[in-house]
Amino acid sequence: MCFDKFNTDKMEEECGVFGVYSKKAKEEISTLTYYGLYALQHRGQESAGITISNFGAKTTFKGMGLVADVFTTEKLQELKGNAAIGHVRYSTSGESKVINAQPLESKFKLGQIAVAHNGTLVNAGILRELLEDSGSTFITNIDSEVIINMIARKANNGLEDAIKSTANAIKGAYALTILADQKLIGVRDPYGIRPLCLGQNEEGDYFLASESCALDAVGADLIRDVEPGEMVIIDDNGIRSVKYAENTKNAPCSFETIYFARPDSVIDGKSAFNVRVESGRCLARQKPVEADVVIGVPDSGIPAAIGFAEESGIPYTVGLIKNKYIGRTFIKPTQELREKAVQVKLNPLKVNVVGKRVVVVDDSLVRGTTSKLLIQMLRRAGATEVHFRSASPAVKYPCYFGIDTAHRKELMAAKLSIDEINEAIGADSIDYLTLENLTKVLGSEDFCLGCFDGEYPVCTPMGEM
């Protein structure tokens, strides 16, 4: 179980996917996939898996835990072939157990197929019921098995049409990597909500990945992002692009760029690091404050803190030390244990905050519990004032597309005013990045901003989610 699942003031991503295709079999194909998944570990820590294709014949190995825990050197040496897909999982659909780990593999009319999926389908339940009524059986309770069953059901039309038909039937946010018919195939949802990019190394091998940092990890160059509503088919003939959806709308998840992605990733042409630094600069301009130091909450709050310090002229310093070995824990999510977990994960650097007026910058404030605890910790460490700044707007709505936030009643900004939030977390002042400044930082209004304004790319009755 991933530690951050019990971090009460954060959102969580679903998964990370990776794929590689080479014209010739290589012993290092599995190792390349391993390193790609290692670079995507921040996107999911519950399970990891790899499917290797040796010119059609597929072998899958997966297990619970981190990539380094699941795969040994000996196991990687056993997985040989010319193509592979990999997956790291954070569960938003289905229980956290090995049967739900990915990739999922199956045999159907056109041979073996393996699918790795990042995202959430909003109509998975309806599709699953229809498939069961027509005779399909399921062994997991995750969205991804709906996808693989639908592809198999459409096999009479050929692989390409089966995937296109499936992609048009499923609704929601998704990025897929697929191994079938001696091909590596990538599919991105019609709104581009979930990221997927394409790369190539000097040897001519092709790669698919949720983030460009995984391409860097395997020595590949970023070619481009897979477009919304696009399917890319990679085989010995190279890359072929197919637009499976006519009515597409570019609306990538804003939280991918401002929080989820590693800062060294480029998401839809934008440097995640630069976006976060500029968010901090905007925060400094929005509500100036007199203070002695600026600190960031590790790790994702640090770039915004740097930007805040640069714009305000207030010195940036390290104020919180993160325990890098906190990885996973089996604590139960009771309130008392949640609070203890935050104290284990982060500790104030007293020498840098004692007697100081401190601006603490974090990537977001969702439920407020962690922010409150951090402020208490900084005061105990000797900070005379603590001013909180959120590098994203106030989260007022739960994510319709599967990001693990909370029910709306648990979102602090959905029920309290700014002044009430400030009082609740015990800060001397508080400010969120405005929605207007977020769109300026992102350089476009063509992003999914539903967590902030309740407006999603598709019609969504929010109710009391």
Protein backbone atom coordinates (compact mmCIF):
# COMPACT_ATOMS: atom_id res chain seq x y z
CA MET A 1 0.00 0.00 0.00
CA CYS A 2 1.42 3.36 -0.96
CA PHE A 3 2.13 5.76 1.87
CA ASP A 4 0.64 8.75 0.12
CA LYS A 5 -2.72 7.04 -0.03
CA PHE A 6 -3.06 8.08 3.60
CA ASN A 7 -1.72 11.58 3.03
CA THR A 8 -4.92 13.44 3.74
CA ASP A 9 -4.07 16.64 1.88
CA LYS A 10 -3.10 15.25 -1.51
CA MET A 11 -4.58 13.91 -4.69
CA GLU A 12 -3.34 10.63 -6.08
CA GLU A 13 -2.68 9.54 -9.64
CA GLU A 14 -3.91 6.26 -11.07
CA CYS A 15 -1.05 4.58 -12.90
CA GLY A 16 1.88 4.85 -15.26
CA VAL A 17 2.31 2.97 -18.54
CA PHE A 18 5.37 2.26 -20.64
CA GLY A 19 6.07 0.46 -23.91
CA VAL A 20 9.05 -0.41 -26.12
CA TYR A 21 9.35 -1.92 -29.61
CA SER A 22 12.49 -3.13 -31.36
CA LYS A 23 12.85 -4.83 -34.73
CA LYS A 24 15.12 -7.42 -33.15
CA ALA A 25 15.05 -9.41 -29.94
CA LYS A 26 17.22 -7.96 -27.17
CA GLU A 27 18.08 -9.14 -23.72
CA GLU A 28 17.81 -5.58 -22.48
CA ILE A 29 14.16 -5.04 -23.55
CA SER A 30 12.95 -6.06 -20.10
CA THR A 31 15.64 -3.93 -18.45
CA LEU A 32 14.62 -0.90 -20.51
CA THR A 33 11.02 -1.44 -19.42
CA TYR A 34 12.17 -1.80 -15.81
CA TYR A 35 14.00 1.54 -15.94
CA GLY A 36 11.04 3.19 -17.64
CA LEU A 37 8.70 2.00 -14.91
CA TYR A 38 11.21 3.03 -12.24
CA ALA A 39 11.04 6.57 -13.62
CA LEU A 40 7.23 6.43 -13.41
CA GLN A 41 7.15 5.02 -9.86
CA HIS A 42 5.66 8.27 -8.51
CA ARG A 43 2.48 7.51 -10.47
CA GLY A 44 1.73 4.31 -8.57
CA GLN A 45 3.35 2.17 -5.90
CA GLU A 46 0.85 -0.63 -5.26
CA SER A 47 1.90 -3.05 -7.99
CA ALA A 48 4.12 -3.35 -11.04
CA GLY A 49 4.12 -5.61 -14.08
CA ILE A 50 5.76 -6.26 -17.44
CA THR A 51 4.57 -8.20 -20.48
CA ILE A 52 7.29 -9.22 -22.95
CA SER A 53 6.50 -10.16 -26.55
CA ASN A 54 9.00 -12.34 -28.40
CA PHE A 55 7.72 -11.81 -31.94
CA GLY A 56 4.18 -12.58 -30.81
CA ALA A 57 4.64 -15.03 -27.93
CA LYS A 58 3.92 -13.17 -24.70
CA THR A 59 5.04 -13.64 -21.11
CA THR A 60 3.71 -11.56 -18.21
CA PHE A 61 5.18 -11.13 -14.76
CA LYS A 62 3.72 -8.85 -12.10
CA GLY A 63 3.52 -8.47 -8.34
CA MET A 64 2.60 -6.24 -5.45
CA GLY A 65 4.93 -3.46 -4.38
CA LEU A 66 7.50 -1.16 -5.91
CA VAL A 67 9.24 -1.88 -9.21
CA ALA A 68 12.50 -2.72 -7.44
CA ASP A 69 10.68 -5.14 -5.13
CA VAL A 70 8.81 -6.97 -7.87
CA PHE A 71 11.63 -7.47 -10.39
CA THR A 72 14.94 -9.13 -9.60
CA THR A 73 17.89 -9.28 -11.98
CA GLU A 74 17.22 -12.97 -12.48
CA LYS A 75 13.59 -12.38 -13.38
CA LEU A 76 14.48 -9.66 -15.86
CA GLN A 77 16.96 -11.99 -17.55
CA GLU A 78 14.16 -14.51 -18.05
CA LEU A 79 11.98 -11.95 -19.85
CA LYS A 80 13.43 -11.72 -23.36
CA GLY A 81 11.87 -10.46 -26.55
CA ASN A 82 11.59 -7.58 -29.00
CA ALA A 83 8.69 -5.64 -27.46
CA ALA A 84 7.22 -5.00 -24.03
CA ILE A 85 4.67 -3.01 -22.09
CA GLY A 86 4.84 -2.17 -18.39
CA HIS A 87 2.59 -0.76 -15.70
CA VAL A 88 2.77 0.75 -12.21
CA ARG A 89 -0.53 0.95 -10.38
CA TYR A 90 -2.33 3.19 -7.96
CA SER A 91 -5.85 1.83 -7.56
CA THR A 92 -8.86 4.05 -8.15
CA SER A 93 -10.90 1.16 -9.53
CA GLY A 94 -10.65 -2.34 -8.07
CA GLU A 95 -9.04 -3.65 -4.93
CA SER A 96 -5.33 -3.54 -4.19
CA LYS A 97 -4.39 -7.17 -4.83
CA VAL A 98 -2.18 -8.98 -7.32
CA ILE A 99 -5.08 -10.24 -9.45
CA ASN A 100 -5.80 -6.61 -10.33
CA ALA A 101 -2.18 -5.82 -11.19
CA GLN A 102 -1.39 -5.02 -14.81
CA PRO A 103 -0.68 -5.61 -17.66
CA LEU A 104 -3.67 -7.85 -18.28
CA GLU A 105 -3.11 -10.65 -20.78
CA SER A 106 -5.63 -12.77 -22.68
CA LYS A 107 -6.00 -15.04 -25.69
CA PHE A 108 -8.62 -14.28 -28.31
CA LYS A 109 -9.41 -14.93 -31.96
CA LEU A 110 -6.44 -12.91 -33.22
CA GLY A 111 -3.97 -14.46 -30.76
CA GLN A 112 -2.50 -13.18 -27.51
CA ILE A 113 -3.13 -9.64 -26.36
CA ALA A 114 -1.82 -7.66 -23.38
CA VAL A 115 -3.10 -4.27 -22.20
CA ALA A 116 -1.75 -1.72 -19.71
CA HIS A 117 -4.13 1.09 -18.81
CA ASN A 118 -3.79 4.43 -17.04
CA GLY A 119 -7.06 6.14 -16.26
CA THR A 120 -10.67 5.63 -15.31
CA LEU A 121 -13.71 4.77 -17.43
CA VAL A 122 -16.90 6.50 -16.36
CA ASN A 123 -19.09 3.91 -18.13
CA ALA A 124 -17.15 0.79 -17.11
CA GLY A 125 -20.01 -0.59 -15.01
CA ILE A 126 -22.53 -0.38 -17.83
CA LEU A 127 -20.14 -1.92 -20.35
CA ARG A 128 -19.20 -4.70 -17.97
CA GLU A 129 -22.86 -5.60 -17.45
CA LEU A 130 -23.48 -5.67 -21.21
CA LEU A 131 -20.42 -7.86 -21.76
CA GLU A 132 -21.50 -10.26 -19.01
CA ASP A 133 -24.98 -10.46 -20.52
CA SER A 134 -23.43 -11.50 -23.83
CA GLY A 135 -21.33 -14.24 -22.22
CA SER A 136 -18.05 -12.53 -21.27
CA THR A 137 -16.44 -13.54 -18.00
CA PHE A 138 -14.26 -11.46 -15.69
CA ILE A 139 -11.58 -12.44 -13.20
CA THR A 140 -10.75 -8.93 -11.93
CA ASN A 141 -12.84 -5.94 -10.88
CA ILE A 142 -10.86 -3.24 -12.73
CA ASP A 143 -11.75 -1.09 -15.74
CA SER A 144 -8.90 -2.52 -17.80
CA GLU A 145 -10.54 -5.93 -18.13
CA VAL A 146 -13.57 -4.27 -19.72
CA ILE A 147 -11.23 -2.88 -22.39
CA ILE A 148 -9.55 -6.21 -23.15
CA ASN A 149 -12.91 -8.02 -23.32
CA MET A 150 -14.35 -5.44 -25.68
CA ILE A 151 -11.37 -5.72 -28.01
CA ALA A 152 -11.77 -9.51 -28.03
CA ARG A 153 -15.49 -9.20 -28.73
CA LYS A 154 -14.81 -7.05 -31.84
CA ALA A 155 -12.04 -9.35 -33.16
CA ASN A 156 -13.99 -10.33 -36.29
CA ASN A 157 -13.30 -6.85 -37.66
CA GLY A 158 -9.53 -7.16 -37.28
CA LEU A 159 -7.28 -5.81 -34.55
CA GLU A 160 -7.16 -2.19 -35.64
CA ASP A 161 -10.93 -1.84 -36.04
CA ALA A 162 -11.50 -3.74 -32.78
CA ILE A 163 -9.36 -1.24 -30.86
CA LYS A 164 -10.93 1.74 -32.64
CA SER A 165 -14.42 0.47 -31.88
CA THR A 166 -13.50 -0.13 -28.24
CA ALA A 167 -11.90 3.31 -27.87
CA ASN A 168 -15.06 4.92 -29.21
CA ALA A 169 -17.25 2.92 -26.82
CA ILE A 170 -15.37 3.56 -23.60
CA LYS A 171 -15.86 6.97 -21.98
CA GLY A 172 -13.51 8.69 -19.60
CA ALA A 173 -9.82 9.43 -19.25
CA TYR A 174 -7.31 6.86 -20.43
CA ALA A 175 -3.97 6.09 -22.01
CA LEU A 176 -3.38 2.54 -23.25
CA THR A 177 -0.36 0.54 -24.29
CA ILE A 178 -1.21 -2.70 -26.09
CA LEU A 179 0.80 -5.66 -27.36
CA ALA A 180 -0.98 -7.69 -30.06
CA ASP A 181 -0.32 -9.09 -33.53
CA GLN A 182 3.44 -8.38 -33.18
CA LYS A 183 2.66 -4.68 -32.74
CA LEU A 184 3.00 -2.10 -29.98
CA ILE A 185 -0.04 0.16 -29.93
CA GLY A 186 -0.70 3.34 -27.96
CA VAL A 187 -4.13 4.96 -27.52
CA ARG A 188 -4.97 8.30 -25.88
CA ASP A 189 -8.49 9.37 -24.90
CA PRO A 190 -10.35 11.87 -27.14
CA TYR A 191 -9.78 14.71 -24.67
CA GLY A 192 -6.11 13.99 -23.99
CA ILE A 193 -6.86 14.00 -20.25
CA ARG A 194 -4.29 11.31 -19.50
CA PRO A 195 -0.80 11.89 -20.92
CA LEU A 196 1.01 9.62 -23.37
CA CYS A 197 4.15 10.43 -25.33
CA LEU A 198 6.24 8.84 -28.05
CA GLY A 199 10.04 8.53 -28.19
CA GLN A 200 12.91 6.89 -30.05
CA ASN A 201 16.53 6.03 -29.21
CA GLU A 202 19.64 6.09 -31.40
CA GLU A 203 19.22 2.40 -32.23
CA GLY A 204 15.80 3.05 -33.73
CA ASP A 205 13.73 1.48 -30.95
CA TYR A 206 10.38 3.15 -30.27
CA PHE A 207 8.91 3.94 -26.85
CA LEU A 208 5.58 4.94 -25.36
CA ALA A 209 5.37 6.44 -21.87
CA SER A 210 3.03 8.32 -19.55
CA GLU A 211 5.74 10.96 -19.06
CA SER A 212 8.85 12.07 -20.91
CA CYS A 213 11.02 11.48 -17.81
CA ALA A 214 10.69 7.74 -18.56
CA LEU A 215 12.10 8.33 -22.05
CA ASP A 216 15.06 10.14 -20.50
CA ALA A 217 15.64 7.16 -18.20
CA VAL A 218 16.10 4.79 -21.14
CA GLY A 219 18.15 7.14 -23.32
CA ALA A 220 15.35 7.96 -25.77
CA ASP A 221 14.43 11.32 -27.25
CA LEU A 222 10.92 12.71 -27.07
CA ILE A 223 9.35 12.75 -30.54
CA ARG A 224 5.96 14.14 -29.63
CA ASP A 225 2.88 13.61 -27.49
CA VAL A 226 0.26 11.20 -28.73
CA GLU A 227 -2.66 13.41 -29.72
CA PRO A 228 -6.15 13.27 -28.21
CA GLY A 229 -8.20 10.64 -30.03
CA GLU A 230 -5.11 9.14 -31.67
CA MET A 231 -3.94 5.55 -31.93
CA VAL A 232 -0.30 4.94 -32.86
CA ILE A 233 0.64 1.54 -34.29
CA ILE A 234 4.31 0.57 -34.13
CA ASP A 235 5.79 -2.42 -35.96
CA ASP A 236 8.67 -3.24 -38.30
CA ASN A 237 7.32 -0.71 -40.79
CA GLY A 238 7.67 2.14 -38.30
CA ILE A 239 4.89 4.29 -36.85
CA ARG A 240 1.41 4.68 -38.26
CA SER A 241 -1.06 7.19 -36.86
CA VAL A 242 -4.80 6.55 -36.84
CA LYS A 243 -7.41 9.07 -35.67
CA TYR A 244 -10.08 6.88 -34.12
CA ALA A 245 -12.28 9.74 -32.85
CA GLU A 246 -13.56 12.54 -35.06
CA ASN A 247 -14.87 14.87 -32.36
CA THR A 248 -11.85 15.47 -30.16
CA LYS A 249 -11.24 18.29 -27.73
CA ASN A 250 -7.83 18.99 -26.28
CA ALA A 251 -8.42 19.14 -22.52
CA PRO A 252 -5.46 17.59 -20.66
CA CYS A 253 -5.68 17.35 -16.88
CA SER A 254 -4.25 20.54 -15.38
CA PHE A 255 -3.12 18.63 -12.28
CA GLU A 256 -0.80 16.50 -14.41
CA THR A 257 1.34 19.55 -15.13
CA ILE A 258 1.02 21.38 -11.82
CA TYR A 259 1.38 18.38 -9.52
CA PHE A 260 1.33 14.75 -10.71
CA ALA A 261 4.13 14.75 -13.28
CA ARG A 262 7.75 14.66 -12.25
CA PRO A 263 9.22 18.17 -12.56
CA ASP A 264 11.68 16.98 -15.22
CA SER A 265 8.83 15.84 -17.48
CA VAL A 266 7.44 17.73 -20.45
CA ILE A 267 3.66 17.32 -20.64
CA ASP A 268 1.94 18.38 -23.86
CA GLY A 269 4.86 20.61 -24.76
CA LYS A 270 5.11 22.28 -21.37
CA SER A 271 7.90 21.87 -18.83
CA ALA A 272 6.30 20.84 -15.56
CA PHE A 273 9.12 22.55 -13.66
CA ASN A 274 8.74 25.88 -15.48
CA VAL A 275 4.96 25.87 -14.99
CA ARG A 276 5.38 25.33 -11.26
CA VAL A 277 8.04 28.03 -10.89
CA GLU A 278 5.80 30.49 -12.72
CA SER A 279 2.92 29.50 -10.44
CA GLY A 280 5.05 30.55 -7.49
CA ARG A 281 5.86 33.87 -9.12
CA CYS A 282 2.15 34.52 -9.65
CA LEU A 283 1.47 33.72 -6.01
CA ALA A 284 4.06 36.27 -4.91
CA ARG A 285 2.42 38.93 -7.06
CA GLN A 286 -1.12 38.04 -5.99
CA LYS A 287 -0.70 38.64 -2.28
CA PRO A 288 2.64 40.11 -1.19
CA VAL A 289 3.74 39.32 2.34
CA GLU A 290 6.53 40.47 4.62
CA ALA A 291 8.58 37.44 5.63
CA ASP A 292 12.14 36.29 6.28
CA VAL A 293 12.29 32.99 4.35
CA VAL A 294 10.36 30.99 1.76
CA ILE A 295 10.23 27.20 2.02
CA GLY A 296 8.62 24.53 -0.14
CA VAL A 297 6.86 21.33 0.90
CA PRO A 298 8.90 18.46 -0.60
CA ASP A 299 8.91 17.48 -3.31
CA SER A 300 6.29 18.99 -5.58
CA GLY A 301 5.99 22.31 -3.71
CA ILE A 302 9.66 23.21 -4.12
CA PRO A 303 9.62 24.63 -7.70
CA ALA A 304 6.73 26.97 -6.80
CA ALA A 305 8.58 28.05 -3.65
CA ILE A 306 11.63 28.88 -5.76
CA GLY A 307 9.44 31.00 -8.06
CA PHE A 308 7.84 32.75 -5.08
CA ALA A 309 11.26 33.57 -3.65
CA GLU A 310 12.59 34.86 -6.98
CA GLU A 311 9.60 37.14 -7.51
CA SER A 312 9.28 38.39 -3.92
CA GLY A 313 12.96 38.81 -3.17
CA ILE A 314 12.51 36.81 0.04
CA PRO A 315 15.33 34.25 0.41
CA TYR A 316 14.51 30.63 -0.37
CA THR A 317 15.76 28.02 2.08
CA VAL A 318 15.22 24.39 2.99
CA GLY A 319 12.69 24.29 5.80
CA LEU A 320 11.30 20.75 5.67
CA ILE A 321 13.27 17.53 5.38
CA LYS A 322 11.56 14.58 3.71
CA ASN A 323 12.25 11.02 4.82
CA LYS A 324 13.21 9.45 1.49
CA TYR A 325 12.71 5.93 2.82
CA ILE A 326 9.08 6.33 3.80
CA GLY A 327 8.00 4.60 0.54
CA ARG A 328 5.30 2.32 1.89
CA THR A 329 3.61 1.70 5.19
CA PHE A 330 0.89 -0.59 6.47
CA ILE A 331 -0.58 1.83 8.97
CA LYS A 332 -4.33 2.08 9.14
CA PRO A 333 -5.87 5.38 8.00
CA THR A 334 -7.15 6.55 11.37
CA GLN A 335 -6.84 10.24 12.09
CA GLU A 336 -4.27 9.74 14.84
CA LEU A 337 -2.08 7.50 12.68
CA ARG A 338 -2.40 9.85 9.72
CA GLU A 339 -0.99 12.63 11.86
CA LYS A 340 1.87 10.45 13.07
CA ALA A 341 2.60 9.47 9.46
CA VAL A 342 2.99 13.11 8.43
CA GLN A 343 5.46 13.66 11.26
CA VAL A 344 7.50 10.65 10.14
CA LYS A 345 7.47 11.78 6.52
CA LEU A 346 8.38 15.45 7.05
CA ASN A 347 10.43 17.17 9.75
CA PRO A 348 11.21 20.89 10.11
CA LEU A 349 14.81 22.03 9.77
CA LYS A 350 14.75 24.13 12.95
CA VAL A 351 17.95 26.05 12.30
CA ASN A 352 16.38 27.61 9.16
CA VAL A 353 12.98 28.55 10.63
CA VAL A 354 13.55 29.40 14.29
CA GLY A 355 12.73 33.05 14.96
CA LYS A 356 11.68 33.54 11.30
CA ARG A 357 8.56 34.67 9.51
CA VAL A 358 8.03 31.78 7.12
CA VAL A 359 6.17 31.48 3.81
CA VAL A 360 5.43 27.81 3.16
CA VAL A 361 4.47 26.93 -0.42
CA ASP A 362 2.75 23.66 -1.32
CA ASP A 363 1.40 22.34 -4.61
CA SER A 364 -2.19 22.24 -3.34
CA LEU A 365 -4.49 22.19 -0.34
CA VAL A 366 -7.24 19.59 -0.63
CA ARG A 367 -8.55 18.37 2.73
CA GLY A 368 -6.33 20.61 4.87
CA THR A 369 -5.18 18.10 7.49
CA THR A 370 -1.57 17.88 6.33
CA SER A 371 -1.29 21.65 5.93
CA LYS A 372 -2.55 22.17 9.47
CA LEU A 373 -0.04 19.67 10.85
CA LEU A 374 2.85 21.24 8.92
CA ILE A 375 2.00 24.68 10.27
CA GLN A 376 1.89 23.30 13.82
CA MET A 377 5.27 21.62 13.28
CA LEU A 378 6.84 24.83 11.99
CA ARG A 379 5.54 26.81 14.95
CA ARG A 380 6.92 24.20 17.36
CA ALA A 381 10.23 24.51 15.52
CA GLY A 382 10.30 28.22 16.39
CA ALA A 383 8.71 29.99 13.38
CA THR A 384 7.19 33.26 14.57
CA GLU A 385 4.75 33.51 11.62
CA VAL A 386 3.63 30.95 9.03
CA HIS A 387 2.01 32.12 5.80
CA PHE A 388 0.57 29.35 3.60
CA ARG A 389 0.47 29.54 -0.20
CA SER A 390 -1.11 26.97 -2.54
CA ALA A 391 0.35 26.78 -6.07
CA SER A 392 -3.00 25.62 -7.44
CA PRO A 393 -6.51 27.00 -7.12
CA ALA A 394 -8.90 25.83 -4.41
CA VAL A 395 -10.08 22.26 -5.06
CA LYS A 396 -13.86 22.40 -4.75
CA TYR A 397 -15.03 19.36 -6.70
CA PRO A 398 -14.07 15.67 -6.70
CA CYS A 399 -12.49 14.42 -9.90
CA TYR A 400 -14.95 12.84 -12.30
CA PHE A 401 -12.15 11.03 -14.09
CA GLY A 402 -10.77 8.98 -11.25
CA ILE A 403 -8.12 11.05 -9.50
CA ASP A 404 -8.31 9.96 -5.86
CA THR A 405 -9.44 13.14 -4.13
CA ALA A 406 -12.39 12.81 -1.77
CA HIS A 407 -16.12 13.27 -1.51
CA ARG A 408 -17.04 16.90 -1.93
CA LYS A 409 -18.00 17.21 1.73
CA GLU A 410 -14.36 16.39 2.61
CA LEU A 411 -12.88 19.11 0.38
CA MET A 412 -12.08 22.08 2.58
CA ALA A 413 -12.64 24.74 -0.09
CA ALA A 414 -16.06 23.30 -0.95
CA LYS A 415 -17.48 24.17 2.45
CA LEU A 416 -15.33 26.97 3.92
CA SER A 417 -14.38 30.49 2.89
CA ILE A 418 -10.75 31.53 2.53
CA ASP A 419 -10.81 33.19 5.96
CA GLU A 420 -12.36 30.07 7.51
CA ILE A 421 -9.73 27.85 5.89
CA ASN A 422 -6.99 30.13 7.18
CA GLU A 423 -8.37 29.83 10.69
CA ALA A 424 -8.86 26.06 10.38
CA ILE A 425 -5.24 25.35 9.41
CA GLY A 426 -3.82 27.92 11.82
CA ALA A 427 -1.91 30.07 9.33
CA ASP A 428 -1.14 33.78 9.68
CA SER A 429 -2.34 34.22 6.09
CA ILE A 430 -3.32 32.04 3.17
CA ASP A 431 -3.65 32.37 -0.59
CA TYR A 432 -4.47 30.09 -3.50
CA LEU A 433 -3.34 30.58 -7.08
CA THR A 434 -6.31 32.08 -8.88
CA LEU A 435 -7.95 30.18 -11.72
CA GLU A 436 -7.19 33.10 -14.02
CA ASN A 437 -3.49 32.94 -13.18
CA LEU A 438 -3.47 29.16 -13.57
CA THR A 439 -4.69 29.44 -17.15
CA LYS A 440 -2.05 32.12 -17.78
CA VAL A 441 0.66 29.88 -16.37
CA LEU A 442 -0.52 26.94 -18.47
CA GLY A 443 -0.68 29.21 -21.49
CA SER A 444 -4.17 28.05 -22.48
CA GLU A 445 -7.72 27.57 -21.27
CA ASP A 446 -7.80 24.21 -23.05
CA PHE A 447 -7.22 22.17 -19.90
CA CYS A 448 -9.54 20.16 -17.70
CA LEU A 449 -10.13 22.41 -14.69
CA GLY A 450 -13.03 20.45 -13.24
CA CYS A 451 -11.46 20.05 -9.79
CA PHE A 452 -11.54 23.83 -9.46
CA ASP A 453 -14.66 25.00 -11.33
CA GLY A 454 -16.75 21.84 -11.75
CA GLU A 455 -16.65 22.11 -15.56
CA TYR A 456 -15.50 18.86 -17.17
CA PRO A 457 -14.94 18.05 -20.87
CA VAL A 458 -18.02 15.81 -20.84
CA CYS A 459 -21.40 16.27 -19.21
CA THR A 460 -21.03 15.17 -15.59
CA PRO A 461 -23.74 15.30 -12.94
CA MET A 462 -21.58 15.98 -9.92
CA GLY A 463 -24.13 15.79 -7.12
CA GLU A 464 -22.52 15.00 -3.80
CA MET A 465 -19.66 12.80 -5.05
